[in-house]
Amino acid sequence: MTSESNHHEAETIRDVFGVWFNAAKTVLIRAPETLHGHYTIPDGVTTIGKEAFFGCWELTSITMPASMTTVEYGAFWNCGGLTSVNFSPNVAVIGDYAFWDCNRLTGMTLPDRLMTIGDYAFWGCSELNRFIIPSGVKCIGNCAFEGCGSPAEIIFCGDAPTISEYAFYWMPVTAYYPANNPTWTEEVRQDYGGSFIWKCME
């Protein structure tokens, strides 16, 4: 074994499923493409790293610990067998391309403390057609929900977030926003690349 390999081993930890973490076990770095079935991320992990589960086609469901706060770029990119995600309520960031083309994903509730939904975050998740956007969400990225199931139902629970121009590209959407909330102006209630019917929740 080379000194470079020894250095790598010293800085990372691998669990019994072959999933790699940093030495502090706060960042999930990479899962093997052979990972299958359900996987529970260990307590203490705060971040799922860039493309950590990329191409894990046989992964069917994932559970995140309460410590989890960040799902980085492409974390579950092209996980074609993924059907269910149990988020930590403390996840604040779902990064760009995080669930790109997870086209069997059906079971998912966005976490209560979510603030940012990245570009293309749920692109191609064609089995998802209902989203409850938590009140703390401040930003929805470009094409974040493009290719999701249609017609879609979107329920906004709080103030109007910053929504990118094509966040819902080519999607027919019925969107609900809270009554008596001055942030939901007519200017905000646009189509965002899709075809929207806006309804006020009394």
Protein backbone atom coordinates (compact mmCIF):
# COMPACT_ATOMS: atom_id res chain seq x y z
CA MET A 1 0.00 0.00 0.00
CA THR A 2 1.36 3.42 -0.97
CA SER A 3 1.80 6.31 1.43
CA GLU A 4 -0.95 8.12 -0.51
CA SER A 5 -3.32 5.21 0.13
CA ASN A 6 -2.40 5.18 3.82
CA HIS A 7 -3.14 8.90 4.00
CA HIS A 8 -6.54 8.37 2.34
CA GLU A 9 -7.44 5.55 4.74
CA ALA A 10 -6.48 7.70 7.73
CA GLU A 11 -8.83 10.49 6.67
CA THR A 12 -11.89 8.37 5.86
CA ILE A 13 -14.04 5.67 7.46
CA ARG A 14 -16.00 2.97 5.71
CA ASP A 15 -19.02 1.30 7.30
CA VAL A 16 -20.15 -2.33 6.94
CA PHE A 17 -22.19 -1.41 3.84
CA GLY A 18 -19.12 0.00 2.09
CA VAL A 19 -20.24 3.64 2.51
CA TRP A 20 -17.38 6.12 2.99
CA PHE A 21 -17.37 9.01 5.50
CA ASN A 22 -14.85 11.61 6.58
CA ALA A 23 -12.87 10.77 9.71
CA ALA A 24 -15.23 12.74 11.96
CA LYS A 25 -18.17 10.88 10.36
CA THR A 26 -20.02 14.11 9.69
CA VAL A 27 -19.89 13.94 5.89
CA LEU A 28 -21.08 10.99 3.82
CA ILE A 29 -18.61 10.99 0.94
CA ARG A 30 -19.53 8.08 -1.30
CA ALA A 31 -21.72 4.99 -1.38
CA PRO A 32 -20.88 1.97 -3.53
CA GLU A 33 -23.07 1.54 -6.61
CA THR A 34 -23.87 -1.95 -5.30
CA LEU A 35 -25.72 -0.52 -2.28
CA HIS A 36 -29.23 -1.94 -2.39
CA GLY A 37 -32.54 -1.79 -0.53
CA HIS A 38 -32.97 0.58 2.40
CA TYR A 39 -30.09 2.54 3.93
CA THR A 40 -30.18 4.51 7.19
CA ILE A 41 -27.55 7.23 7.42
CA PRO A 42 -25.85 7.10 10.85
CA ASP A 43 -26.52 9.65 13.59
CA GLY A 44 -24.09 12.56 13.60
CA VAL A 45 -23.81 12.90 9.83
CA THR A 46 -24.64 16.48 8.80
CA THR A 47 -23.92 16.45 5.07
CA ILE A 48 -24.47 14.16 2.11
CA GLY A 49 -21.60 15.06 -0.17
CA LYS A 50 -21.44 15.80 -3.88
CA GLU A 51 -22.74 12.86 -5.96
CA ALA A 52 -22.45 10.61 -2.89
CA PHE A 53 -25.10 8.13 -4.08
CA PHE A 54 -24.68 8.75 -7.80
CA GLY A 55 -25.81 5.74 -9.84
CA CYS A 56 -26.93 3.62 -6.88
CA TRP A 57 -29.67 2.05 -8.95
CA GLU A 58 -30.59 -0.62 -6.40
CA LEU A 59 -31.04 1.82 -3.51
CA THR A 60 -34.80 1.93 -2.81
CA SER A 61 -35.18 4.11 0.28
CA ILE A 62 -33.12 6.35 2.53
CA THR A 63 -33.53 7.62 6.09
CA MET A 64 -31.62 10.67 7.28
CA PRO A 65 -30.71 11.33 10.94
CA ALA A 66 -31.84 14.42 12.84
CA SER A 67 -28.29 15.77 12.54
CA MET A 68 -28.56 16.10 8.74
CA THR A 69 -28.65 19.70 7.42
CA THR A 70 -27.32 19.62 3.86
CA VAL A 71 -27.88 17.50 0.76
CA GLU A 72 -25.21 18.58 -1.71
CA TYR A 73 -24.98 18.73 -5.50
CA GLY A 74 -26.15 15.59 -7.27
CA ALA A 75 -26.30 13.59 -4.03
CA PHE A 76 -28.85 11.10 -5.40
CA TRP A 77 -28.36 11.82 -9.09
CA ASN A 78 -29.69 9.02 -11.26
CA CYS A 79 -30.82 6.76 -8.41
CA GLY A 80 -33.42 5.13 -10.62
CA GLY A 81 -34.67 2.67 -7.99
CA LEU A 82 -35.17 5.21 -5.20
CA THR A 83 -38.84 5.30 -4.14
CA SER A 84 -38.81 6.88 -0.66
CA VAL A 85 -36.82 9.56 1.17
CA ASN A 86 -37.26 10.21 4.88
CA PHE A 87 -35.71 13.64 5.39
CA SER A 88 -34.37 14.99 8.64
CA PRO A 89 -36.57 17.93 9.69
CA ASN A 90 -33.35 19.94 10.01
CA VAL A 91 -32.30 19.78 6.35
CA ALA A 92 -31.95 23.41 5.24
CA VAL A 93 -30.38 22.96 1.80
CA ILE A 94 -31.26 20.61 -1.03
CA GLY A 95 -28.55 21.30 -3.57
CA ASP A 96 -28.49 21.53 -7.35
CA TYR A 97 -29.35 18.26 -9.13
CA ALA A 98 -29.78 16.55 -5.74
CA PHE A 99 -32.51 14.13 -6.91
CA TRP A 100 -32.03 14.49 -10.66
CA ASP A 101 -33.96 11.83 -12.58
CA CYS A 102 -35.09 9.83 -9.54
CA ASN A 103 -38.07 8.82 -11.63
CA ARG A 104 -39.54 6.28 -9.20
CA LEU A 105 -39.52 8.56 -6.18
CA THR A 106 -43.04 8.72 -4.72
CA GLY A 107 -42.69 8.99 -0.93
CA MET A 108 -41.29 12.32 0.19
CA THR A 109 -42.19 15.25 2.46
CA LEU A 110 -39.98 18.32 2.29
CA PRO A 111 -38.37 19.07 5.67
CA ASP A 112 -39.78 21.75 7.96
CA ARG A 113 -36.57 23.81 8.18
CA LEU A 114 -35.82 23.77 4.46
CA MET A 115 -34.58 27.13 3.11
CA THR A 116 -33.10 26.42 -0.34
CA ILE A 117 -34.16 24.15 -3.22
CA GLY A 118 -31.39 24.15 -5.82
CA ASP A 119 -31.40 24.22 -9.60
CA TYR A 120 -32.76 21.00 -11.14
CA ALA A 121 -33.12 19.56 -7.63
CA PHE A 122 -36.09 17.33 -8.53
CA TRP A 123 -35.76 17.35 -12.31
CA GLY A 124 -37.39 14.32 -13.89
CA CYS A 125 -39.01 13.01 -10.69
CA SER A 126 -42.02 12.05 -12.77
CA GLU A 127 -43.90 10.20 -9.99
CA LEU A 128 -43.96 13.25 -7.70
CA ASN A 129 -46.88 15.57 -8.31
CA ARG A 130 -47.63 17.14 -4.93
CA PHE A 131 -45.29 19.36 -2.96
CA ILE A 132 -45.84 21.22 0.29
CA ILE A 133 -43.29 24.05 0.36
CA PRO A 134 -42.39 24.78 4.01
CA SER A 135 -42.73 28.31 5.34
CA GLY A 136 -38.98 28.83 5.67
CA VAL A 137 -38.12 28.26 1.99
CA LYS A 138 -36.44 31.40 0.62
CA CYS A 139 -35.27 30.26 -2.81
CA ILE A 140 -36.43 27.78 -5.48
CA GLY A 141 -33.88 27.23 -8.22
CA ASN A 142 -34.07 27.06 -11.98
CA CYS A 143 -35.95 24.03 -13.35
CA ALA A 144 -36.13 22.70 -9.78
CA PHE A 145 -39.34 20.77 -10.48
CA GLU A 146 -39.17 20.39 -14.26
CA GLY A 147 -40.39 16.99 -15.42
CA CYS A 148 -42.23 16.16 -12.20
CA GLY A 149 -45.63 14.50 -12.35
CA SER A 150 -48.45 16.51 -13.85
CA PRO A 151 -50.81 18.02 -13.22
CA ALA A 152 -48.99 19.11 -10.10
CA GLU A 153 -50.24 20.59 -6.85
CA ILE A 154 -47.98 23.00 -4.99
CA ILE A 155 -48.87 24.33 -1.54
CA PHE A 156 -46.87 27.30 -0.28
CA CYS A 157 -47.04 27.61 3.51
CA GLY A 158 -45.27 30.91 4.14
CA ASP A 159 -44.00 34.11 2.55
CA ALA A 160 -43.37 34.11 -1.17
CA PRO A 161 -39.87 32.76 -1.86
CA THR A 162 -37.63 33.88 -4.69
CA ILE A 163 -38.67 31.56 -7.52
CA SER A 164 -36.44 31.21 -10.58
CA GLU A 165 -37.97 32.02 -13.95
CA TYR A 166 -38.21 28.41 -15.12
CA ALA A 167 -38.59 26.62 -11.79
CA PHE A 168 -41.67 24.72 -13.03
CA TYR A 169 -40.77 24.48 -16.70
CA TRP A 170 -43.44 22.87 -18.92
CA MET A 171 -45.62 21.92 -15.96
CA PRO A 172 -49.35 22.44 -15.45
CA VAL A 173 -49.64 23.49 -11.80
CA THR A 174 -52.35 24.39 -9.32
CA ALA A 175 -50.61 26.45 -6.66
CA TYR A 176 -52.00 27.51 -3.29
CA TYR A 177 -50.73 30.45 -1.26
CA PRO A 178 -51.75 31.72 2.21
CA ALA A 179 -54.45 34.34 2.52
CA ASN A 180 -53.70 37.73 4.07
CA ASN A 181 -50.01 37.42 3.25
CA PRO A 182 -48.86 40.63 1.51
CA THR A 183 -45.78 38.97 -0.05
CA TRP A 184 -47.98 37.06 -2.52
CA THR A 185 -48.51 39.94 -4.91
CA GLU A 186 -49.89 39.61 -8.43
CA GLU A 187 -46.36 40.17 -9.70
CA VAL A 188 -45.15 37.11 -7.76
CA ARG A 189 -47.98 34.90 -8.99
CA GLN A 190 -46.48 34.13 -12.40
CA ASP A 191 -46.18 30.92 -14.47
CA TYR A 192 -42.45 30.24 -13.91
CA GLY A 193 -42.13 28.37 -17.18
CA GLY A 194 -45.25 26.30 -16.60
CA SER A 195 -48.99 26.87 -16.70
CA PHE A 196 -50.27 28.00 -13.30
CA ILE A 197 -53.65 28.28 -11.67
CA TRP A 198 -53.19 30.27 -8.48
CA LYS A 199 -55.60 29.80 -5.57
CA CYS A 200 -55.72 31.58 -2.24
CA MET A 201 -55.98 29.42 0.88
CA GLU A 202 -58.48 30.92 3.29
